[in-house]
Amino acid sequence: MDNSNFTIENIPVEAYDYVVNGKSAIEWIMERYAITTHKDSSITNDPNCWAVKHNNPRYILDLLLSVIYLSMETVEIVNKLPKLIF
């Protein structure tokens, strides 16, 4: 399975409001699960290889969809919380 065959569209902007350590959870997942090549060693890290090896080629796609859902649910819950006054 090649991730370039997939496009996730219409992600609500609010989903990016769920931020952990200064970055949205969606951006964090996309960054961490990108194919990268170490410049000094030329070793390529391809998370897709792990997914295929473990017979779960949809792993990264399903993970990202779950994070999008989790982000939306979390933002909705947080927005319903009462405002704190110090």
PDB file of N, CA and C in Angstrom:
ATOM      1  N   MET A   1       0.854  -1.173   0.000  1.00  0.00           N
ATOM      2  CA  MET A   1       0.000   0.000   0.000  1.00  0.00           C
ATOM      3  C   MET A   1       0.895   1.228   0.000  1.00  0.00           C
ATOM      4  N   ASP A   2       0.635   2.124  -0.886  1.00  0.00           N
ATOM      5  CA  ASP A   2       1.425   3.341  -1.017  1.00  0.00           C
ATOM      6  C   ASP A   2       0.581   4.513  -0.533  1.00  0.00           C
ATOM      7  N   ASN A   3       1.065   5.223   0.484  1.00  0.00           N
ATOM      8  CA  ASN A   3       0.294   6.320   1.058  1.00  0.00           C
ATOM      9  C   ASN A   3       0.041   7.452   0.079  1.00  0.00           C
ATOM     10  N   SER A   4       0.813   7.514  -1.006  1.00  0.00           N
ATOM     11  CA  SER A   4       0.589   8.586  -1.972  1.00  0.00           C
ATOM     12  C   SER A   4      -0.728   8.387  -2.720  1.00  0.00           C
ATOM     13  N   ASN A   5      -1.354   7.236  -2.548  1.00  0.00           N
ATOM     14  CA  ASN A   5      -2.638   6.971  -3.184  1.00  0.00           C
ATOM     15  C   ASN A   5      -3.816   7.503  -2.381  1.00  0.00           C
ATOM     16  N   PHE A   6      -3.560   8.029  -1.207  1.00  0.00           N
ATOM     17  CA  PHE A   6      -4.630   8.477  -0.322  1.00  0.00           C
ATOM     18  C   PHE A   6      -4.581   9.982  -0.119  1.00  0.00           C
ATOM     19  N   THR A   7      -5.759  10.562  -0.060  1.00  0.00           N
ATOM     20  CA  THR A   7      -5.887  11.965   0.290  1.00  0.00           C
ATOM     21  C   THR A   7      -6.988  12.069   1.330  1.00  0.00           C
ATOM     22  N   ILE A   8      -6.675  12.675   2.442  1.00  0.00           N
ATOM     23  CA  ILE A   8      -7.693  12.925   3.465  1.00  0.00           C
ATOM     24  C   ILE A   8      -8.105  14.375   3.297  1.00  0.00           C
ATOM     25  N   GLU A   9      -9.373  14.577   3.023  1.00  0.00           N
ATOM     26  CA  GLU A   9      -9.880  15.920   2.761  1.00  0.00           C
ATOM     27  C   GLU A   9     -10.883  16.335   3.828  1.00  0.00           C
ATOM     28  N   ASN A  10     -11.137  17.630   3.844  1.00  0.00           N
ATOM     29  CA  ASN A  10     -12.172  18.212   4.711  1.00  0.00           C
ATOM     30  C   ASN A  10     -11.930  17.954   6.193  1.00  0.00           C
ATOM     31  N   ILE A  11     -10.672  17.975   6.599  1.00  0.00           N
ATOM     32  CA  ILE A  11     -10.375  17.887   8.027  1.00  0.00           C
ATOM     33  C   ILE A  11     -10.805  19.211   8.641  1.00  0.00           C
ATOM     34  N   PRO A  12     -11.699  19.181   9.610  1.00  0.00           N
ATOM     35  CA  PRO A  12     -12.143  20.436  10.216  1.00  0.00           C
ATOM     36  C   PRO A  12     -10.967  21.201  10.816  1.00  0.00           C
ATOM     37  N   VAL A  13     -10.947  22.493  10.610  1.00  0.00           N
ATOM     38  CA  VAL A  13      -9.870  23.339  11.119  1.00  0.00           C
ATOM     39  C   VAL A  13      -9.757  23.195  12.630  1.00  0.00           C
ATOM     40  N   GLU A  14     -10.883  22.998  13.302  1.00  0.00           N
ATOM     41  CA  GLU A  14     -10.885  22.862  14.760  1.00  0.00           C
ATOM     42  C   GLU A  14     -10.047  21.674  15.224  1.00  0.00           C
ATOM     43  N   ALA A  15      -9.904  20.659  14.383  1.00  0.00           N
ATOM     44  CA  ALA A  15      -9.122  19.480  14.773  1.00  0.00           C
ATOM     45  C   ALA A  15      -7.669  19.859  15.040  1.00  0.00           C
ATOM     46  N   TYR A  16      -7.198  20.907  14.397  1.00  0.00           N
ATOM     47  CA  TYR A  16      -5.823  21.364  14.602  1.00  0.00           C
ATOM     48  C   TYR A  16      -5.673  22.153  15.902  1.00  0.00           C
ATOM     49  N   ASP A  17      -6.787  22.427  16.591  1.00  0.00           N
ATOM     50  CA  ASP A  17      -6.726  23.144  17.858  1.00  0.00           C
ATOM     51  C   ASP A  17      -6.285  22.247  19.008  1.00  0.00           C
ATOM     52  N   TYR A  18      -6.298  20.937  18.811  1.00  0.00           N
ATOM     53  CA  TYR A  18      -5.818  20.023  19.852  1.00  0.00           C
ATOM     54  C   TYR A  18      -4.295  19.994  19.758  1.00  0.00           C
ATOM     55  N   VAL A  19      -3.660  20.716  20.665  1.00  0.00           N
ATOM     56  CA  VAL A  19      -2.211  20.920  20.618  1.00  0.00           C
ATOM     57  C   VAL A  19      -1.555  20.243  21.805  1.00  0.00           C
ATOM     58  N   VAL A  20      -0.481  19.528  21.526  1.00  0.00           N
ATOM     59  CA  VAL A  20       0.318  18.879  22.560  1.00  0.00           C
ATOM     60  C   VAL A  20       1.758  19.317  22.343  1.00  0.00           C
ATOM     61  N   ASN A  21       2.369  19.870  23.369  1.00  0.00           N
ATOM     62  CA  ASN A  21       3.758  20.343  23.280  1.00  0.00           C
ATOM     63  C   ASN A  21       3.975  21.306  22.119  1.00  0.00           C
ATOM     64  N   GLY A  22       3.014  22.181  21.896  1.00  0.00           N
ATOM     65  CA  GLY A  22       3.182  23.239  20.908  1.00  0.00           C
ATOM     66  C   GLY A  22       2.873  22.865  19.469  1.00  0.00           C
ATOM     67  N   LYS A  23       2.372  21.671  19.232  1.00  0.00           N
ATOM     68  CA  LYS A  23       2.080  21.241  17.866  1.00  0.00           C
ATOM     69  C   LYS A  23       0.769  20.467  17.863  1.00  0.00           C
ATOM     70  N   SER A  24      -0.016  20.643  16.813  1.00  0.00           N
ATOM     71  CA  SER A  24      -1.272  19.890  16.764  1.00  0.00           C
ATOM     72  C   SER A  24      -0.945  18.402  16.662  1.00  0.00           C
ATOM     73  N   ALA A  25      -1.804  17.585  17.245  1.00  0.00           N
ATOM     74  CA  ALA A  25      -1.590  16.135  17.219  1.00  0.00           C
ATOM     75  C   ALA A  25      -1.550  15.622  15.783  1.00  0.00           C
ATOM     76  N   ILE A  26      -2.335  16.221  14.908  1.00  0.00           N
ATOM     77  CA  ILE A  26      -2.362  15.809  13.498  1.00  0.00           C
ATOM     78  C   ILE A  26      -1.004  16.082  12.850  1.00  0.00           C
ATOM     79  N   GLU A  27      -0.477  17.267  13.064  1.00  0.00           N
ATOM     80  CA  GLU A  27       0.832  17.605  12.497  1.00  0.00           C
ATOM     81  C   GLU A  27       1.929  16.715  13.075  1.00  0.00           C
ATOM     82  N   TRP A  28       1.837  16.410  14.352  1.00  0.00           N
ATOM     83  CA  TRP A  28       2.839  15.562  14.996  1.00  0.00           C
ATOM     84  C   TRP A  28       2.870  14.187  14.349  1.00  0.00           C
ATOM     85  N   ILE A  29       1.694  13.585  14.150  1.00  0.00           N
ATOM     86  CA  ILE A  29       1.618  12.257  13.521  1.00  0.00           C
ATOM     87  C   ILE A  29       2.169  12.304  12.104  1.00  0.00           C
ATOM     88  N   MET A  30       1.776  13.301  11.334  1.00  0.00           N
ATOM     89  CA  MET A  30       2.247  13.391   9.950  1.00  0.00           C
ATOM     90  C   MET A  30       3.770  13.547   9.904  1.00  0.00           C
ATOM     91  N   GLU A  31       4.306  14.315  10.829  1.00  0.00           N
ATOM     92  CA  GLU A  31       5.750  14.517  10.888  1.00  0.00           C
ATOM     93  C   GLU A  31       6.477  13.237  11.276  1.00  0.00           C
ATOM     94  N   ARG A  32       5.994  12.565  12.306  1.00  0.00           N
ATOM     95  CA  ARG A  32       6.665  11.371  12.826  1.00  0.00           C
ATOM     96  C   ARG A  32       6.558  10.178  11.876  1.00  0.00           C
ATOM     97  N   TYR A  33       5.496  10.116  11.104  1.00  0.00           N
ATOM     98  CA  TYR A  33       5.294   8.965  10.227  1.00  0.00           C
ATOM     99  C   TYR A  33       5.636   9.264   8.773  1.00  0.00           C
ATOM    100  N   ALA A  34       6.390  10.318   8.548  1.00  0.00           N
ATOM    101  CA  ALA A  34       6.860  10.634   7.197  1.00  0.00           C
ATOM    102  C   ALA A  34       8.074   9.753   6.881  1.00  0.00           C
ATOM    103  N   ILE A  35       8.258   9.460   5.623  1.00  0.00           N
ATOM    104  CA  ILE A  35       9.447   8.731   5.187  1.00  0.00           C
ATOM    105  C   ILE A  35      10.617   9.713   5.220  1.00  0.00           C
ATOM    106  N   THR A  36      11.672   9.338   5.938  1.00  0.00           N
ATOM    107  CA  THR A  36      12.834  10.213   6.064  1.00  0.00           C
ATOM    108  C   THR A  36      14.108   9.431   5.766  1.00  0.00           C
ATOM    109  N   THR A  37      15.127  10.155   5.337  1.00  0.00           N
ATOM    110  CA  THR A  37      16.443   9.567   5.116  1.00  0.00           C
ATOM    111  C   THR A  37      17.462  10.373   5.908  1.00  0.00           C
ATOM    112  N   HIS A  38      18.187   9.686   6.758  1.00  0.00           N
ATOM    113  CA  HIS A  38      19.227  10.323   7.566  1.00  0.00           C
ATOM    114  C   HIS A  38      20.337  10.795   6.643  1.00  0.00           C
ATOM    115  N   LYS A  39      20.691  12.072   6.733  1.00  0.00           N
ATOM    116  CA  LYS A  39      21.622  12.639   5.755  1.00  0.00           C
ATOM    117  C   LYS A  39      23.034  12.071   5.865  1.00  0.00           C
ATOM    118  N   ASP A  40      23.484  11.726   7.065  1.00  0.00           N
ATOM    119  CA  ASP A  40      24.849  11.215   7.212  1.00  0.00           C
ATOM    120  C   ASP A  40      24.974   9.731   6.846  1.00  0.00           C
ATOM    121  N   SER A  41      24.009   8.927   7.282  1.00  0.00           N
ATOM    122  CA  SER A  41      24.103   7.484   7.051  1.00  0.00           C
ATOM    123  C   SER A  41      23.352   7.021   5.802  1.00  0.00           C
ATOM    124  N   SER A  42      22.488   7.867   5.275  1.00  0.00           N
ATOM    125  CA  SER A  42      21.627   7.521   4.134  1.00  0.00           C
ATOM    126  C   SER A  42      20.642   6.395   4.449  1.00  0.00           C
ATOM    127  N   ILE A  43      20.426   6.136   5.741  1.00  0.00           N
ATOM    128  CA  ILE A  43      19.446   5.122   6.141  1.00  0.00           C
ATOM    129  C   ILE A  43      18.060   5.735   6.041  1.00  0.00           C
ATOM    130  N   THR A  44      17.167   5.020   5.355  1.00  0.00           N
ATOM    131  CA  THR A  44      15.801   5.496   5.176  1.00  0.00           C
ATOM    132  C   THR A  44      14.898   4.862   6.227  1.00  0.00           C
ATOM    133  N   ASN A  45      14.116   5.691   6.882  1.00  0.00           N
ATOM    134  CA  ASN A  45      13.113   5.230   7.828  1.00  0.00           C
ATOM    135  C   ASN A  45      11.759   5.338   7.132  1.00  0.00           C
ATOM    136  N   ASP A  46      11.175   4.203   6.837  1.00  0.00           N
ATOM    137  CA  ASP A  46       9.885   4.159   6.153  1.00  0.00           C
ATOM    138  C   ASP A  46       8.882   3.415   7.027  1.00  0.00           C
ATOM    139  N   PRO A  47       8.025   4.145   7.731  1.00  0.00           N
ATOM    140  CA  PRO A  47       7.042   3.499   8.606  1.00  0.00           C
ATOM    141  C   PRO A  47       6.118   2.537   7.858  1.00  0.00           C
ATOM    142  N   ASN A  48       5.974   2.730   6.568  1.00  0.00           N
ATOM    143  CA  ASN A  48       5.138   1.822   5.787  1.00  0.00           C
ATOM    144  C   ASN A  48       5.704   0.409   5.783  1.00  0.00           C
ATOM    145  N   CYS A  49       7.018   0.285   5.830  1.00  0.00           N
ATOM    146  CA  CYS A  49       7.643  -1.045   5.855  1.00  0.00           C
ATOM    147  C   CYS A  49       7.225  -1.803   7.110  1.00  0.00           C
ATOM    148  N   TRP A  50       7.218  -1.103   8.253  1.00  0.00           N
ATOM    149  CA  TRP A  50       6.792  -1.739   9.500  1.00  0.00           C
ATOM    150  C   TRP A  50       5.346  -2.201   9.373  1.00  0.00           C
ATOM    151  N   ALA A  51       4.499  -1.339   8.828  1.00  0.00           N
ATOM    152  CA  ALA A  51       3.075  -1.662   8.707  1.00  0.00           C
ATOM    153  C   ALA A  51       2.860  -2.885   7.821  1.00  0.00           C
ATOM    154  N   VAL A  52       3.573  -2.957   6.712  1.00  0.00           N
ATOM    155  CA  VAL A  52       3.435  -4.105   5.805  1.00  0.00           C
ATOM    156  C   VAL A  52       3.990  -5.358   6.465  1.00  0.00           C
ATOM    157  N   LYS A  53       5.141  -5.233   7.119  1.00  0.00           N
ATOM    158  CA  LYS A  53       5.770  -6.380   7.788  1.00  0.00           C
ATOM    159  C   LYS A  53       4.842  -6.982   8.842  1.00  0.00           C
ATOM    160  N   HIS A  54       4.057  -6.137   9.488  1.00  0.00           N
ATOM    161  CA  HIS A  54       3.137  -6.600  10.530  1.00  0.00           C
ATOM    162  C   HIS A  54       1.724  -6.832   9.983  1.00  0.00           C
ATOM    163  N   ASN A  55       1.656  -6.964   8.668  1.00  0.00           N
ATOM    164  CA  ASN A  55       0.403  -7.307   7.986  1.00  0.00           C
ATOM    165  C   ASN A  55      -0.723  -6.318   8.285  1.00  0.00           C
ATOM    166  N   ASN A  56      -0.371  -5.053   8.385  1.00  0.00           N
ATOM    167  CA  ASN A  56      -1.370  -4.028   8.633  1.00  0.00           C
ATOM    168  C   ASN A  56      -1.019  -2.796   7.794  1.00  0.00           C
ATOM    169  N   PRO A  57      -1.167  -2.885   6.467  1.00  0.00           N
ATOM    170  CA  PRO A  57      -0.747  -1.786   5.601  1.00  0.00           C
ATOM    171  C   PRO A  57      -1.535  -0.495   5.818  1.00  0.00           C
ATOM    172  N   ARG A  58      -2.689  -0.563   6.470  1.00  0.00           N
ATOM    173  CA  ARG A  58      -3.494   0.639   6.740  1.00  0.00           C
ATOM    174  C   ARG A  58      -3.148   1.291   8.072  1.00  0.00           C
ATOM    175  N   TYR A  59      -2.153   0.779   8.761  1.00  0.00           N
ATOM    176  CA  TYR A  59      -1.838   1.247  10.117  1.00  0.00           C
ATOM    177  C   TYR A  59      -1.726   2.768  10.200  1.00  0.00           C
ATOM    178  N   ILE A  60      -0.918   3.382   9.365  1.00  0.00           N
ATOM    179  CA  ILE A  60      -0.685   4.817   9.464  1.00  0.00           C
ATOM    180  C   ILE A  60      -1.946   5.597   9.096  1.00  0.00           C
ATOM    181  N   LEU A  61      -2.642   5.160   8.067  1.00  0.00           N
ATOM    182  CA  LEU A  61      -3.895   5.818   7.684  1.00  0.00           C
ATOM    183  C   LEU A  61      -4.906   5.738   8.823  1.00  0.00           C
ATOM    184  N   ASP A  62      -5.082   4.542   9.381  1.00  0.00           N
ATOM    185  CA  ASP A  62      -6.032   4.383  10.487  1.00  0.00           C
ATOM    186  C   ASP A  62      -5.614   5.190  11.712  1.00  0.00           C
ATOM    187  N   LEU A  63      -4.312   5.239  11.972  1.00  0.00           N
ATOM    188  CA  LEU A  63      -3.809   6.040  13.094  1.00  0.00           C
ATOM    189  C   LEU A  63      -4.141   7.510  12.892  1.00  0.00           C
ATOM    190  N   LEU A  64      -3.885   8.023  11.706  1.00  0.00           N
ATOM    191  CA  LEU A  64      -4.167   9.430  11.431  1.00  0.00           C
ATOM    192  C   LEU A  64      -5.659   9.724  11.531  1.00  0.00           C
ATOM    193  N   LEU A  65      -6.493   8.845  10.995  1.00  0.00           N
ATOM    194  CA  LEU A  65      -7.944   9.046  11.104  1.00  0.00           C
ATOM    195  C   LEU A  65      -8.391   9.038  12.562  1.00  0.00           C
ATOM    196  N   SER A  66      -7.790   8.173  13.360  1.00  0.00           N
ATOM    197  CA  SER A  66      -8.123   8.120  14.791  1.00  0.00           C
ATOM    198  C   SER A  66      -7.700   9.402  15.502  1.00  0.00           C
ATOM    199  N   VAL A  67      -6.532   9.919  15.156  1.00  0.00           N
ATOM    200  CA  VAL A  67      -6.048  11.152  15.781  1.00  0.00           C
ATOM    201  C   VAL A  67      -6.930  12.330  15.385  1.00  0.00           C
ATOM    202  N   ILE A  68      -7.384  12.356  14.150  1.00  0.00           N
ATOM    203  CA  ILE A  68      -8.299  13.421  13.721  1.00  0.00           C
ATOM    204  C   ILE A  68      -9.585  13.355  14.545  1.00  0.00           C
ATOM    205  N   TYR A  69     -10.141  12.155  14.690  1.00  0.00           N
ATOM    206  CA  TYR A  69     -11.369  11.977  15.474  1.00  0.00           C
ATOM    207  C   TYR A  69     -11.128  12.369  16.940  1.00  0.00           C
ATOM    208  N   LEU A  70     -10.038  11.878  17.518  1.00  0.00           N
ATOM    209  CA  LEU A  70      -9.700  12.197  18.902  1.00  0.00           C
ATOM    210  C   LEU A  70      -9.537  13.701  19.086  1.00  0.00           C
ATOM    211  N   SER A  71      -8.899  14.349  18.137  1.00  0.00           N
ATOM    212  CA  SER A  71      -8.696  15.796  18.215  1.00  0.00           C
ATOM    213  C   SER A  71     -10.022  16.531  18.232  1.00  0.00           C
ATOM    214  N   MET A  72     -10.926  16.143  17.343  1.00  0.00           N
ATOM    215  CA  MET A  72     -12.242  16.795  17.282  1.00  0.00           C
ATOM    216  C   MET A  72     -13.017  16.583  18.580  1.00  0.00           C
ATOM    217  N   GLU A  73     -13.008  15.369  19.085  1.00  0.00           N
ATOM    218  CA  GLU A  73     -13.732  15.071  20.320  1.00  0.00           C
ATOM    219  C   GLU A  73     -13.137  15.843  21.499  1.00  0.00           C
ATOM    220  N   THR A  74     -11.816  15.910  21.571  1.00  0.00           N
ATOM    221  CA  THR A  74     -11.160  16.610  22.666  1.00  0.00           C
ATOM    222  C   THR A  74     -11.455  18.101  22.628  1.00  0.00           C
ATOM    223  N   VAL A  75     -11.365  18.683  21.453  1.00  0.00           N
ATOM    224  CA  VAL A  75     -11.659  20.117  21.313  1.00  0.00           C
ATOM    225  C   VAL A  75     -13.104  20.394  21.726  1.00  0.00           C
ATOM    226  N   GLU A  76     -14.015  19.533  21.330  1.00  0.00           N
ATOM    227  CA  GLU A  76     -15.426  19.713  21.692  1.00  0.00           C
ATOM    228  C   GLU A  76     -15.602  19.655  23.209  1.00  0.00           C
ATOM    229  N   ILE A  77     -14.971  18.695  23.868  1.00  0.00           N
ATOM    230  CA  ILE A  77     -15.075  18.567  25.321  1.00  0.00           C
ATOM    231  C   ILE A  77     -14.463  19.781  26.017  1.00  0.00           C
ATOM    232  N   VAL A  78     -13.282  20.175  25.585  1.00  0.00           N
ATOM    233  CA  VAL A  78     -12.598  21.307  26.206  1.00  0.00           C
ATOM    234  C   VAL A  78     -13.416  22.581  26.046  1.00  0.00           C
ATOM    235  N   ASN A  79     -14.027  22.768  24.892  1.00  0.00           N
ATOM    236  CA  ASN A  79     -14.831  23.973  24.663  1.00  0.00           C
ATOM    237  C   ASN A  79     -16.076  24.021  25.541  1.00  0.00           C
ATOM    238  N   LYS A  80     -16.515  22.879  26.029  1.00  0.00           N
ATOM    239  CA  LYS A  80     -17.697  22.829  26.903  1.00  0.00           C
ATOM    240  C   LYS A  80     -17.338  23.046  28.380  1.00  0.00           C
ATOM    241  N   LEU A  81     -16.060  22.986  28.703  1.00  0.00           N
ATOM    242  CA  LEU A  81     -15.660  23.170  30.085  1.00  0.00           C
ATOM    243  C   LEU A  81     -15.885  24.609  30.516  1.00  0.00           C
ATOM    244  N   PRO A  82     -16.197  24.812  31.789  1.00  0.00           N
ATOM    245  CA  PRO A  82     -16.366  26.195  32.255  1.00  0.00           C
ATOM    246  C   PRO A  82     -15.015  26.923  32.235  1.00  0.00           C
ATOM    247  N   LYS A  83     -15.092  28.212  32.033  1.00  0.00           N
ATOM    248  CA  LYS A  83     -13.886  29.047  31.997  1.00  0.00           C
ATOM    249  C   LYS A  83     -13.312  29.138  33.415  1.00  0.00           C
ATOM    250  N   LEU A  84     -12.004  29.044  33.505  1.00  0.00           N
ATOM    251  CA  LEU A  84     -11.340  29.208  34.783  1.00  0.00           C
ATOM    252  C   LEU A  84     -11.072  30.686  35.033  1.00  0.00           C
ATOM    253  N   ILE A  85     -11.345  31.088  36.251  1.00  0.00           N
ATOM    254  CA  ILE A  85     -11.061  32.462  36.650  1.00  0.00           C
ATOM    255  C   ILE A  85     -10.121  32.393  37.833  1.00  0.00           C
ATOM    256  N   PHE A  86      -8.975  33.040  37.670  1.00  0.00           N
ATOM    257  CA  PHE A  86      -7.974  33.016  38.743  1.00  0.00           C
ATOM    258  C   PHE A  86      -8.081  34.274  39.574  1.00  0.00           C
TER     259      PHE A  86
END
